[in-house]
Amino acid sequence: MTPTQRFVQARDFLQRHRLDYDTAYRDFQPPQLDRFNWALDFFDHQARDNHAAALWLVEEDGSERKISFADMAARSSQVAEYLRNLGVRRGERVLLMLPNRVELWEIMLAGIKLGAVLVPTTMALAGDDLADRLERGQVRHVIVLASHAHKFEALAGSYTRIAVGGADGAPAGWHDYADSHKVASVFVPEGETRATDPLLLYFTSGTTAKPKLVLHSHQSYPVGHLSTMYWIGLQAGDIHWNISAPGWAKHAWSCFFAPWNAGATVFIFNIERFDSRAVLDTLVRCGVTSLCAPPTAWRMLIKEDLAAWKPAVRELVGAGEPLNPEVIEQVERAWGIRIRDGFGQSESSCQIGNPPGQPIKPGSMGRPLPGYRIALLDLDERPATEGEISVELASNPIGLMVGYDGNEDKTAEVMRAGHYHTGDTARVDGDGYYFYVGRNDDVFKSSDYRISPFELESVLIEHESVLEAAIVPSPDPLRLAVPKAFVTLRAGVAPSREMAAALFAFTRERLAPYKRIRRIAFRELPKTISGKIRRVELRREEAGRAAGDGALDAVEYREEDFPA
């Protein structure tokens, strides 16, 4: 059996059992691959005479473009030949900094065909952050939107420079990507690709520390994302929209590998600023069948009267951070569809999730997905009903990273004791459903009780005036620490003593006494470039304030301010 046949067989098994979790989980066998190049062995195979849309881009002005699987396969081979002519070789690292343009997908496929190591990078980077990517990523070539080429002027290093989309051609010293249309569209690879060869290098979002370099192979993400395809419930012919910015692993999850593994269309709506009404209008007009959005987007969408829109969506999922129950319930009331949560990381494909057709428990992120064996481990590496989410290495989890590039110590630390340790804590019930507790660094104790920030935040955002919230420990002489809420209010709602009183009263009715929020501060929340809340920064601020003069935030209120 060829590598293509093995991969397709595994894919087809999961699609046949899309609604039969027990069989899919019990009997799924990851394809055993020695030589495998996903773009050459699978995508081109799937694309042969396939004129269905592989990619559908819709712009804010209403213009749109569709590219078929067949055209994408041919064009990516032409781009691969172009890059090879410029000196890009197997194993060399290519920094890719592009928005959601057709060229992004062309180059991703071309890079895979070449055997280059792709380093997707967010458009928001500049200066020291960009220099760090170039240096630690050992980048040999950069492909950048022409309007961002100036960011590289002051950066040291000798690397091939390719500019995309310049209205007047490429800047001085840069190759013009438009020249790729002039080369032959026939690409012949130089040798075979081993499944374990490096393919992708992602910098983590750095919620708690300096970004790590996550290295993936030609099987860990291309093949590993069969679990993500299964979680979403994707099928051939689906139109899948994942609201995610390029440069982050989630974009590869659901704007590349998972939908194309299924033979579905990748749908993109390019919009300058998130506009809930425009998103909902587009969802309906374009007949999107499955939607994945981060919690921030879902929280903004539910501020609209969702029942006024009648989308054709069959599947709704959320990832990036846990979804709060209130968000899930509001969407289900409006559309009769439940958003299904899932858990994974840059270091893996989707590990745990609620696949289609399965009973869903409120607040649960689901059960382990095909290809993953999960254990919760306590501090002594013993199985527990609440502990660190850990992946059993003996089960050969195909969607797991190779390791942290250039950091063998960190890799050994997270791969210890026969498990990959995620750094996230969860609890599991008697039916095997997992409930997210928080990042290990975020959970804290108050009066000897363990406090999960996520649980308290979920209560806070149920209040109609709250857009986002983050809970951190605030040092307290009696209780060691008490829960403090940093709150971002909805547009048009001003911070005030009255609003603080209302929030204290609202949460007091819904939380056990030991979990009560004791302090509230109104402010914008610090976030990573990828949009995740940096609670570590808020904790650091709070600890520093306690070590200083104890002064309150400019708009902070304490429970004792409201004796009644």
Protein backbone atom coordinates (compact mmCIF):
# COMPACT_ATOMS: atom_id res chain seq x y z
CA MET A 1 0.00 0.00 0.00
CA THR A 2 1.37 3.43 -0.95
CA PRO A 3 1.72 6.30 1.57
CA THR A 4 -1.17 8.03 -0.22
CA GLN A 5 -3.40 4.99 0.17
CA ARG A 6 -2.52 4.61 3.86
CA PHE A 7 -3.33 8.25 4.54
CA VAL A 8 -6.60 8.17 2.60
CA GLN A 9 -7.60 4.94 4.33
CA ALA A 10 -7.12 6.55 7.77
CA ARG A 11 -8.98 9.67 6.66
CA ASP A 12 -11.88 7.69 5.20
CA PHE A 13 -12.18 5.61 8.39
CA LEU A 14 -12.68 8.72 10.50
CA GLN A 15 -15.17 10.21 8.06
CA ARG A 16 -17.19 6.97 7.94
CA HIS A 17 -17.41 7.03 11.73
CA ARG A 18 -17.96 10.78 12.01
CA LEU A 19 -20.94 10.26 14.35
CA ASP A 20 -19.69 7.06 16.02
CA TYR A 21 -17.13 8.23 18.56
CA ASP A 22 -16.72 4.89 20.34
CA THR A 23 -15.73 3.05 17.16
CA ALA A 24 -13.59 5.90 15.84
CA TYR A 25 -11.64 6.24 19.06
CA ARG A 26 -11.24 2.52 19.70
CA ASP A 27 -10.31 1.38 16.19
CA PHE A 28 -8.51 4.32 14.58
CA GLN A 29 -5.02 3.38 13.45
CA PRO A 30 -2.74 6.30 12.47
CA PRO A 31 -1.16 5.55 9.09
CA GLN A 32 2.35 4.15 9.40
CA LEU A 33 4.43 6.29 7.07
CA ASP A 34 8.12 6.20 6.31
CA ARG A 35 8.22 8.48 3.27
CA PHE A 36 5.45 11.07 3.00
CA ASN A 37 5.01 14.52 1.48
CA TRP A 38 1.45 15.67 2.15
CA ALA A 39 1.38 18.21 -0.72
CA LEU A 40 2.77 15.82 -3.33
CA ASP A 41 1.37 12.52 -2.11
CA PHE A 42 -2.06 13.64 -0.92
CA PHE A 43 -3.03 17.15 -2.00
CA ASP A 44 -1.97 16.72 -5.63
CA HIS A 45 -3.62 13.28 -5.66
CA GLN A 46 -6.87 14.77 -4.32
CA ALA A 47 -6.63 17.72 -6.72
CA ARG A 48 -6.35 15.69 -9.93
CA ASP A 49 -9.24 16.83 -12.18
CA ASN A 50 -10.89 18.28 -9.08
CA HIS A 51 -12.48 21.61 -9.99
CA ALA A 52 -14.25 22.14 -6.67
CA ALA A 53 -13.17 25.23 -4.73
CA ALA A 54 -10.18 24.61 -2.50
CA LEU A 55 -10.01 28.26 -1.40
CA TRP A 56 -12.69 30.96 -1.36
CA LEU A 57 -11.60 34.48 -0.43
CA VAL A 58 -14.20 37.20 0.14
CA GLU A 59 -13.06 40.80 0.60
CA GLU A 60 -14.66 43.55 2.64
CA ASP A 61 -15.68 45.40 -0.55
CA GLY A 62 -17.66 42.37 -1.72
CA SER A 63 -15.18 41.13 -4.30
CA GLU A 64 -14.25 37.47 -4.12
CA ARG A 65 -12.07 34.81 -5.67
CA LYS A 66 -12.29 31.03 -5.80
CA ILE A 67 -9.38 28.71 -6.64
CA SER A 68 -10.01 25.06 -7.46
CA PHE A 69 -8.03 22.16 -6.05
CA ALA A 70 -6.63 21.46 -9.52
CA ASP A 71 -5.49 25.05 -10.03
CA MET A 72 -3.99 25.25 -6.55
CA ALA A 73 -2.00 22.07 -7.14
CA ALA A 74 -0.61 23.31 -10.46
CA ARG A 75 0.16 26.79 -9.21
CA SER A 76 1.93 25.56 -6.06
CA SER A 77 4.19 23.38 -8.22
CA GLN A 78 5.08 26.45 -10.25
CA VAL A 79 5.85 28.38 -7.05
CA ALA A 80 7.97 25.49 -5.78
CA GLU A 81 10.04 25.62 -8.98
CA TYR A 82 10.35 29.41 -8.64
CA LEU A 83 11.58 29.15 -5.04
CA ARG A 84 14.04 26.43 -5.95
CA ASN A 85 15.43 28.66 -8.71
CA LEU A 86 16.03 31.34 -6.04
CA GLY A 87 18.02 28.88 -3.93
CA VAL A 88 15.48 27.54 -1.46
CA ARG A 89 16.58 24.01 -0.57
CA ARG A 90 15.26 21.10 1.45
CA GLY A 91 15.57 21.72 5.19
CA GLU A 92 16.23 25.47 4.85
CA ARG A 93 14.02 27.78 6.86
CA VAL A 94 11.65 30.20 5.18
CA LEU A 95 9.97 32.95 7.19
CA LEU A 96 6.50 33.57 5.79
CA MET A 97 4.80 36.83 6.78
CA LEU A 98 1.64 37.27 4.72
CA PRO A 99 -2.03 38.08 5.37
CA ASN A 100 -4.91 35.97 4.06
CA ARG A 101 -4.02 36.20 0.37
CA VAL A 102 -3.98 33.43 -2.21
CA GLU A 103 -0.18 33.56 -2.20
CA LEU A 104 -0.11 32.34 1.39
CA TRP A 105 -1.69 28.99 0.45
CA GLU A 106 0.38 28.72 -2.75
CA ILE A 107 3.62 29.17 -0.83
CA MET A 108 2.64 26.84 2.01
CA LEU A 109 1.98 24.04 -0.48
CA ALA A 110 5.11 24.91 -2.46
CA GLY A 111 7.24 24.86 0.67
CA ILE A 112 5.93 21.42 1.60
CA LYS A 113 6.70 20.14 -1.91
CA LEU A 114 10.23 21.51 -1.66
CA GLY A 115 10.85 20.07 1.79
CA ALA A 116 11.66 23.54 3.16
CA VAL A 117 10.93 24.37 6.81
CA LEU A 118 8.21 27.02 6.94
CA VAL A 119 8.21 29.62 9.72
CA PRO A 120 4.74 31.27 9.60
CA THR A 121 4.84 34.68 11.28
CA THR A 122 2.13 37.14 12.25
CA MET A 123 1.92 40.43 10.34
CA ALA A 124 1.92 42.29 13.67
CA LEU A 125 5.62 41.61 14.33
CA ALA A 126 8.37 44.18 13.94
CA GLY A 127 11.67 45.24 15.49
CA ASP A 128 13.15 43.02 18.19
CA ASP A 129 10.41 40.38 17.88
CA LEU A 130 11.12 39.98 14.19
CA ALA A 131 14.88 39.93 14.75
CA ASP A 132 14.34 37.18 17.34
CA ARG A 133 12.43 35.09 14.77
CA LEU A 134 15.22 35.49 12.23
CA GLU A 135 18.00 34.67 14.67
CA ARG A 136 16.52 31.86 16.74
CA GLY A 137 14.66 30.45 13.75
CA GLN A 138 17.90 30.34 11.72
CA VAL A 139 15.99 31.79 8.78
CA ARG A 140 17.62 31.62 5.33
CA HIS A 141 14.79 33.11 3.22
CA VAL A 142 11.93 35.55 3.89
CA ILE A 143 8.69 35.99 1.94
CA VAL A 144 6.87 39.12 3.02
CA LEU A 145 4.05 41.42 1.91
CA ALA A 146 5.75 44.24 -0.01
CA SER A 147 4.26 46.91 2.23
CA HIS A 148 6.00 45.30 5.23
CA ALA A 149 9.42 44.91 3.60
CA HIS A 150 10.66 48.05 5.36
CA LYS A 151 10.56 46.15 8.69
CA PHE A 152 13.63 44.22 7.56
CA GLU A 153 15.80 47.20 6.58
CA ALA A 154 17.58 47.46 9.92
CA LEU A 155 17.72 43.72 10.63
CA ALA A 156 21.04 41.94 10.33
CA GLY A 157 21.47 38.74 8.39
CA SER A 158 21.99 37.40 4.93
CA TYR A 159 18.82 35.89 3.54
CA THR A 160 16.87 35.74 0.30
CA ARG A 161 14.20 38.45 0.24
CA ILE A 162 10.96 37.94 -1.70
CA ALA A 163 8.19 40.56 -1.75
CA VAL A 164 4.54 39.75 -2.48
CA GLY A 165 1.93 42.13 -3.83
CA GLY A 166 3.92 45.27 -4.60
CA ALA A 167 1.85 47.60 -6.79
CA ASP A 168 5.04 48.96 -8.38
CA GLY A 169 7.06 45.78 -8.19
CA ALA A 170 9.40 44.70 -5.42
CA PRO A 171 11.38 47.16 -3.27
CA ALA A 172 15.08 47.54 -4.05
CA GLY A 173 17.03 44.44 -3.06
CA TRP A 174 13.94 42.22 -3.08
CA HIS A 175 12.76 39.60 -5.58
CA ASP A 176 9.30 40.18 -7.02
CA TYR A 177 7.00 37.22 -6.32
CA ALA A 178 5.06 38.10 -9.47
CA ASP A 179 8.00 36.64 -11.43
CA SER A 180 6.92 33.21 -10.21
CA HIS A 181 4.35 33.19 -13.03
CA LYS A 182 7.17 33.13 -15.59
CA VAL A 183 8.71 29.77 -14.62
CA ALA A 184 7.70 26.27 -15.64
CA SER A 185 4.72 24.83 -13.80
CA VAL A 186 6.21 21.32 -13.72
CA PHE A 187 7.95 20.48 -10.45
CA VAL A 188 10.05 17.38 -9.91
CA PRO A 189 11.12 16.88 -6.27
CA GLU A 190 14.76 16.26 -5.43
CA GLY A 191 14.43 12.91 -3.72
CA GLU A 192 11.86 11.60 -1.28
CA THR A 193 10.57 13.28 1.86
CA ARG A 194 10.82 11.35 5.09
CA ALA A 195 7.72 11.60 7.27
CA THR A 196 9.93 12.67 10.18
CA ASP A 197 11.67 15.49 8.26
CA PRO A 198 11.06 18.96 9.74
CA LEU A 199 8.29 20.99 8.10
CA LEU A 200 6.91 23.76 10.32
CA LEU A 201 8.43 25.96 13.00
CA TYR A 202 5.95 27.90 15.11
CA PHE A 203 6.75 30.45 17.77
CA THR A 204 4.30 30.06 20.65
CA SER A 205 2.17 33.02 21.70
CA GLY A 206 4.13 33.54 24.92
CA THR A 207 1.32 33.82 27.48
CA THR A 208 3.67 33.05 30.37
CA ALA A 209 7.23 33.30 29.01
CA LYS A 210 9.36 34.08 26.00
CA PRO A 211 7.97 32.31 22.89
CA LYS A 212 9.24 28.78 22.37
CA LEU A 213 10.04 27.32 18.94
CA VAL A 214 7.71 24.41 18.23
CA LEU A 215 9.00 22.10 15.51
CA HIS A 216 6.63 19.89 13.52
CA SER A 217 7.35 17.20 10.93
CA HIS A 218 5.78 16.14 7.64
CA GLN A 219 3.52 13.82 9.58
CA SER A 220 2.81 15.55 12.92
CA TYR A 221 0.69 18.36 11.49
CA PRO A 222 -0.39 17.10 8.03
CA VAL A 223 -1.37 13.66 9.32
CA GLY A 224 -1.97 14.64 12.94
CA HIS A 225 -4.72 17.04 11.95
CA LEU A 226 -6.93 14.11 11.05
CA SER A 227 -7.95 14.44 14.72
CA THR A 228 -8.86 18.08 14.13
CA MET A 229 -10.85 17.18 11.03
CA TYR A 230 -12.72 14.61 13.10
CA TRP A 231 -13.40 17.05 15.93
CA ILE A 232 -14.85 19.68 13.59
CA GLY A 233 -16.79 17.05 11.65
CA LEU A 234 -15.60 18.12 8.20
CA GLN A 235 -16.66 16.38 5.01
CA ALA A 236 -15.90 16.77 1.32
CA GLY A 237 -17.85 19.69 -0.11
CA ASP A 238 -18.11 21.59 3.18
CA ILE A 239 -17.39 25.31 3.27
CA HIS A 240 -15.30 25.80 6.39
CA TRP A 241 -14.57 29.22 7.89
CA ASN A 242 -11.98 29.47 10.63
CA ILE A 243 -11.60 32.98 12.02
CA SER A 244 -7.87 33.04 12.66
CA ALA A 245 -4.95 35.27 11.73
CA PRO A 246 -2.08 33.84 9.68
CA GLY A 247 1.18 33.21 11.48
CA TRP A 248 -0.30 31.14 14.31
CA ALA A 249 -0.67 27.37 14.54
CA LYS A 250 -4.48 27.58 14.64
CA HIS A 251 -4.40 28.94 11.09
CA ALA A 252 -2.62 25.76 9.98
CA TRP A 253 -5.09 23.70 12.02
CA SER A 254 -8.30 24.89 10.41
CA CYS A 255 -7.41 27.10 7.44
CA PHE A 256 -5.14 24.51 5.87
CA PHE A 257 -4.70 20.92 7.01
CA ALA A 258 -8.04 19.93 8.61
CA PRO A 259 -10.35 21.20 5.83
CA TRP A 260 -8.12 20.08 2.98
CA ASN A 261 -7.66 16.68 4.62
CA ALA A 262 -11.45 16.38 4.32
CA GLY A 263 -11.70 17.78 0.78
CA ALA A 264 -13.56 20.83 2.07
CA THR A 265 -13.34 24.45 0.92
CA VAL A 266 -11.27 26.85 3.03
CA PHE A 267 -13.36 30.02 3.36
CA ILE A 268 -11.90 33.41 4.33
CA PHE A 269 -13.60 36.77 4.89
CA ASN A 270 -10.99 39.51 4.93
CA ILE A 271 -12.14 42.40 7.09
CA GLU A 272 -10.04 45.21 8.56
CA ARG A 273 -11.74 45.23 11.97
CA PHE A 274 -14.01 42.56 13.40
CA ASP A 275 -17.60 43.56 12.67
CA SER A 276 -20.18 41.16 14.11
CA ARG A 277 -22.93 42.14 11.68
CA ALA A 278 -20.67 41.84 8.65
CA VAL A 279 -19.47 38.45 9.86
CA LEU A 280 -23.04 37.21 10.36
CA ASP A 281 -24.20 38.59 6.99
CA THR A 282 -21.29 36.84 5.25
CA LEU A 283 -21.92 33.59 7.12
CA VAL A 284 -25.47 33.52 5.75
CA ARG A 285 -24.83 34.89 2.24
CA CYS A 286 -22.00 32.48 1.43
CA GLY A 287 -23.66 29.38 2.82
CA VAL A 288 -20.83 28.52 5.23
CA THR A 289 -21.41 25.02 6.63
CA SER A 290 -18.93 25.00 9.52
CA LEU A 291 -17.51 27.82 11.59
CA CYS A 292 -14.63 27.89 14.05
CA ALA A 293 -14.06 31.10 16.01
CA PRO A 294 -12.01 32.05 19.07
CA PRO A 295 -13.80 32.96 22.32
CA THR A 296 -13.24 36.69 21.78
CA ALA A 297 -15.12 36.52 18.48
CA TRP A 298 -17.94 34.47 19.97
CA ARG A 299 -18.27 36.94 22.84
CA MET A 300 -18.70 39.76 20.35
CA LEU A 301 -21.13 37.83 18.17
CA ILE A 302 -23.54 37.09 21.02
CA LYS A 303 -23.98 40.81 21.61
CA GLU A 304 -26.07 40.79 18.42
CA ASP A 305 -29.58 39.37 18.07
CA LEU A 306 -28.32 36.10 16.58
CA ALA A 307 -31.84 34.82 15.93
CA ALA A 308 -32.20 37.51 13.24
CA TRP A 309 -29.68 35.58 11.09
CA LYS A 310 -30.44 32.13 9.67
CA PRO A 311 -27.10 30.54 8.72
CA ALA A 312 -26.74 27.21 6.95
CA VAL A 313 -24.05 26.07 9.38
CA ARG A 314 -24.07 22.44 10.48
CA GLU A 315 -21.02 22.57 12.77
CA LEU A 316 -19.91 25.26 15.23
CA VAL A 317 -16.67 24.93 17.19
CA GLY A 318 -14.43 27.09 19.35
CA ALA A 319 -10.75 26.83 20.22
CA GLY A 320 -7.80 28.89 21.38
CA GLU A 321 -9.11 29.35 24.91
CA PRO A 322 -11.98 27.59 26.71
CA LEU A 323 -15.46 28.81 25.85
CA ASN A 324 -17.59 30.17 28.67
CA PRO A 325 -20.92 28.34 29.16
CA GLU A 326 -22.94 31.54 28.75
CA VAL A 327 -21.62 31.99 25.20
CA ILE A 328 -22.49 28.41 24.25
CA GLU A 329 -26.01 28.69 25.68
CA GLN A 330 -26.82 31.96 23.89
CA VAL A 331 -25.79 30.60 20.49
CA GLU A 332 -27.79 27.41 21.03
CA ARG A 333 -30.89 29.39 22.00
CA ALA A 334 -30.63 31.45 18.81
CA TRP A 335 -29.63 28.82 16.23
CA GLY A 336 -30.39 25.47 17.81
CA ILE A 337 -26.75 24.43 17.37
CA ARG A 338 -24.30 23.89 20.19
CA ILE A 339 -20.76 25.22 19.91
CA ARG A 340 -18.46 22.29 20.51
CA ASP A 341 -15.28 23.00 22.43
CA GLY A 342 -11.90 21.44 21.77
CA PHE A 343 -8.44 21.46 23.30
CA GLY A 344 -5.05 21.44 21.64
CA GLN A 345 -1.91 23.53 21.39
CA SER A 346 0.70 24.77 18.95
CA GLU A 347 2.56 21.65 20.08
CA SER A 348 -0.15 19.30 18.84
CA SER A 349 -3.27 18.86 16.79
CA CYS A 350 -6.63 18.70 18.60
CA GLN A 351 -6.21 16.33 21.57
CA ILE A 352 -9.59 16.54 23.30
CA GLY A 353 -12.91 17.63 21.87
CA ASN A 354 -16.64 17.20 21.46
CA PRO A 355 -17.07 15.62 18.02
CA PRO A 356 -20.43 15.81 16.18
CA GLY A 357 -23.34 13.69 17.24
CA GLN A 358 -22.11 13.01 20.78
CA PRO A 359 -23.72 13.93 24.10
CA ILE A 360 -22.25 17.18 25.37
CA LYS A 361 -21.90 17.99 29.05
CA PRO A 362 -22.16 21.67 29.99
CA GLY A 363 -18.70 23.09 30.63
CA SER A 364 -16.85 20.05 29.26
CA MET A 365 -14.29 20.30 26.47
CA GLY A 366 -15.07 16.70 25.56
CA ARG A 367 -13.21 13.42 25.42
CA PRO A 368 -9.84 12.34 23.96
CA LEU A 369 -9.85 12.29 20.17
CA PRO A 370 -8.72 9.45 17.89
CA GLY A 371 -4.96 9.08 18.02
CA TYR A 372 -4.56 10.43 21.57
CA ARG A 373 -4.41 8.65 24.92
CA ILE A 374 -4.78 11.20 27.72
CA ALA A 375 -3.90 11.00 31.41
CA LEU A 376 -4.30 13.56 34.19
CA LEU A 377 -1.19 13.52 36.37
CA ASP A 378 -0.66 14.96 39.84
CA LEU A 379 2.58 16.55 41.03
CA ASP A 380 4.06 13.09 41.64
CA GLU A 381 3.27 11.96 38.07
CA ARG A 382 0.46 9.72 39.33
CA PRO A 383 -2.94 9.40 37.62
CA ALA A 384 -5.54 11.65 39.18
CA THR A 385 -9.09 12.85 38.56
CA GLU A 386 -7.72 16.40 38.52
CA GLY A 387 -4.24 17.12 37.27
CA GLU A 388 -2.08 18.15 34.35
CA ILE A 389 -3.36 17.12 30.93
CA SER A 390 -0.72 14.72 29.63
CA VAL A 391 -0.41 12.66 26.45
CA GLU A 392 0.81 9.06 26.72
CA LEU A 393 3.91 8.78 24.51
CA ALA A 394 3.77 4.99 24.32
CA SER A 395 0.60 5.32 22.22
CA ASN A 396 2.63 7.05 19.47
CA PRO A 397 0.56 10.26 19.27
CA ILE A 398 1.14 11.18 15.64
CA GLY A 399 -0.05 14.79 16.04
CA LEU A 400 2.56 15.71 18.63
CA MET A 401 5.48 18.04 17.92
CA VAL A 402 9.03 16.84 17.38
CA GLY A 403 10.14 19.11 20.22
CA TYR A 404 11.23 22.64 21.07
CA ASP A 405 13.83 23.58 18.50
CA GLY A 406 17.17 24.50 20.05
CA ASN A 407 15.99 23.74 23.58
CA GLU A 408 16.62 20.12 24.47
CA ASP A 409 16.20 20.80 28.21
CA LYS A 410 12.69 22.20 27.76
CA THR A 411 11.78 19.34 25.45
CA ALA A 412 12.98 16.81 28.02
CA GLU A 413 11.05 18.63 30.75
CA VAL A 414 7.69 18.39 28.94
CA MET A 415 8.35 14.85 27.62
CA ARG A 416 9.25 13.34 31.01
CA ALA A 417 7.91 10.20 32.66
CA GLY A 418 6.51 8.72 29.46
CA HIS A 419 4.11 11.62 28.84
CA TYR A 420 3.98 14.94 27.06
CA HIS A 421 2.94 17.48 29.72
CA THR A 422 0.72 20.25 28.32
CA GLY A 423 0.99 22.69 31.24
CA ASP A 424 -2.83 22.79 31.50
CA THR A 425 -4.94 21.42 34.32
CA ALA A 426 -8.26 19.65 33.94
CA ARG A 427 -10.55 17.29 35.82
CA VAL A 428 -12.27 14.22 34.43
CA ASP A 429 -15.62 12.72 35.44
CA GLY A 430 -16.73 9.10 35.58
CA ASP A 431 -17.86 9.15 31.95
CA GLY A 432 -14.48 10.25 30.66
CA TYR A 433 -15.43 13.88 29.97
CA TYR A 434 -12.75 16.49 30.63
CA PHE A 435 -13.37 19.89 32.22
CA TYR A 436 -10.79 22.64 31.84
CA VAL A 437 -9.46 24.19 35.06
CA GLY A 438 -6.69 26.50 33.80
CA ARG A 439 -3.05 26.88 32.96
CA ASN A 440 -0.91 25.45 35.74
CA ASP A 441 0.54 28.91 36.36
CA ASP A 442 -2.93 30.53 36.55
CA VAL A 443 -4.59 28.34 39.21
CA PHE A 444 -4.05 29.72 42.72
CA LYS A 445 -5.07 29.20 46.34
CA SER A 446 -7.24 31.43 48.50
CA SER A 447 -7.80 30.46 52.14
CA ASP A 448 -6.45 27.02 51.19
CA TYR A 449 -9.07 26.59 48.43
CA ARG A 450 -7.93 26.11 44.83
CA ILE A 451 -9.33 28.78 42.55
CA SER A 452 -9.77 28.30 38.79
CA PRO A 453 -9.71 31.71 37.06
CA PHE A 454 -11.69 30.28 34.14
CA GLU A 455 -14.64 29.33 36.36
CA LEU A 456 -14.93 32.82 37.86
CA GLU A 457 -14.41 34.53 34.51
CA SER A 458 -17.23 32.45 33.04
CA VAL A 459 -19.60 33.84 35.66
CA LEU A 460 -18.48 37.42 35.17
CA ILE A 461 -19.02 37.50 31.40
CA GLU A 462 -22.61 36.38 31.89
CA HIS A 463 -23.26 39.98 32.96
CA GLU A 464 -24.59 41.94 29.99
CA SER A 465 -22.12 44.81 30.51
CA VAL A 466 -18.96 42.68 30.56
CA LEU A 467 -17.05 41.97 27.37
CA GLU A 468 -13.98 40.22 28.83
CA ALA A 469 -12.55 39.42 32.24
CA ALA A 470 -9.40 38.00 33.77
CA ILE A 471 -9.04 36.69 37.33
CA VAL A 472 -5.71 36.77 39.18
CA PRO A 473 -4.71 36.39 42.84
CA SER A 474 -4.45 39.63 44.78
CA PRO A 475 -2.23 39.30 47.89
CA ASP A 476 -4.23 39.43 51.11
CA PRO A 477 -2.87 39.31 54.71
CA LEU A 478 -5.68 37.05 55.95
CA ARG A 479 -6.46 34.70 53.06
CA LEU A 480 -2.99 34.69 51.41
CA ALA A 481 -4.71 35.78 48.20
CA VAL A 482 -8.20 36.72 47.04
CA PRO A 483 -9.68 36.65 43.54
CA LYS A 484 -9.34 39.96 41.75
CA ALA A 485 -11.15 40.65 38.47
CA PHE A 486 -9.78 42.82 35.72
CA VAL A 487 -12.79 43.70 33.59
CA THR A 488 -13.23 45.16 30.11
CA LEU A 489 -16.72 46.56 29.69
CA ARG A 490 -18.78 46.58 26.51
CA ALA A 491 -18.60 49.62 24.24
CA GLY A 492 -20.73 52.42 25.62
CA VAL A 493 -20.55 51.20 29.24
CA ALA A 494 -18.40 53.36 31.52
CA PRO A 495 -16.53 52.16 34.63
CA SER A 496 -18.18 53.43 37.79
CA ARG A 497 -18.81 52.67 41.42
CA GLU A 498 -22.33 51.64 40.50
CA MET A 499 -21.09 49.17 37.90
CA ALA A 500 -18.64 47.65 40.40
CA ALA A 501 -21.44 47.26 42.95
CA ALA A 502 -23.61 45.57 40.34
CA LEU A 503 -20.84 43.12 39.42
CA PHE A 504 -20.11 42.28 43.06
CA ALA A 505 -23.80 41.60 43.64
CA PHE A 506 -24.12 39.60 40.40
CA THR A 507 -21.21 37.28 41.16
CA ARG A 508 -22.05 36.94 44.85
CA GLU A 509 -25.34 35.29 43.91
CA ARG A 510 -23.60 32.80 41.61
CA LEU A 511 -20.40 31.81 43.42
CA ALA A 512 -19.66 29.90 46.60
CA PRO A 513 -18.35 32.18 49.38
CA TYR A 514 -14.76 30.92 49.08
CA LYS A 515 -14.76 31.70 45.34
CA ARG A 516 -16.20 35.21 45.65
CA ILE A 517 -14.51 37.97 43.71
CA ARG A 518 -13.22 40.43 46.29
CA ARG A 519 -11.69 43.14 44.09
CA ILE A 520 -12.57 44.56 40.68
CA ALA A 521 -10.49 46.81 38.43
CA PHE A 522 -11.70 48.17 35.08
CA ARG A 523 -9.15 48.22 32.26
CA GLU A 524 -8.20 46.83 28.88
CA LEU A 525 -6.66 43.38 29.24
CA PRO A 526 -3.06 42.75 28.15
CA LYS A 527 -2.90 40.14 25.41
CA THR A 528 -0.41 38.23 23.35
CA ILE A 529 -0.08 39.09 19.68
CA SER A 530 -2.39 36.15 18.97
CA GLY A 531 -5.08 37.61 21.24
CA LYS A 532 -4.77 35.41 24.34
CA ILE A 533 -5.07 37.13 27.71
CA ARG A 534 -1.74 37.49 29.51
CA ARG A 535 -2.81 36.77 33.08
CA VAL A 536 0.85 36.40 34.00
CA GLU A 537 1.31 40.12 33.33
CA LEU A 538 -1.65 41.01 35.53
CA ARG A 539 -0.34 38.73 38.29
CA ARG A 540 3.05 40.40 38.08
CA GLU A 541 1.46 43.85 38.32
CA GLU A 542 -0.61 42.79 41.30
CA ALA A 543 2.36 41.29 43.11
CA GLY A 544 4.40 44.44 42.48
CA ARG A 545 1.62 46.64 43.78
CA ALA A 546 1.43 44.58 46.98
CA ALA A 547 5.19 44.82 47.46
CA GLY A 548 5.05 48.60 47.07
CA ASP A 549 2.77 51.06 48.76
CA GLY A 550 -0.41 49.03 48.28
CA ALA A 551 -2.05 51.72 46.17
CA LEU A 552 -5.20 50.69 44.33
CA ASP A 553 -5.68 50.88 40.58
CA ALA A 554 -7.16 54.16 39.39
CA VAL A 555 -10.58 52.50 38.98
CA GLU A 556 -10.44 49.60 41.41
CA TYR A 557 -13.14 48.74 43.91
CA ARG A 558 -13.10 46.31 46.83
CA GLU A 559 -15.93 44.25 48.23
CA GLU A 560 -15.60 46.00 51.57
CA ASP A 561 -16.43 49.30 49.84
CA PHE A 562 -20.02 48.04 49.65
CA PRO A 563 -21.04 46.90 53.17
CA ALA A 564 -24.64 46.28 52.19
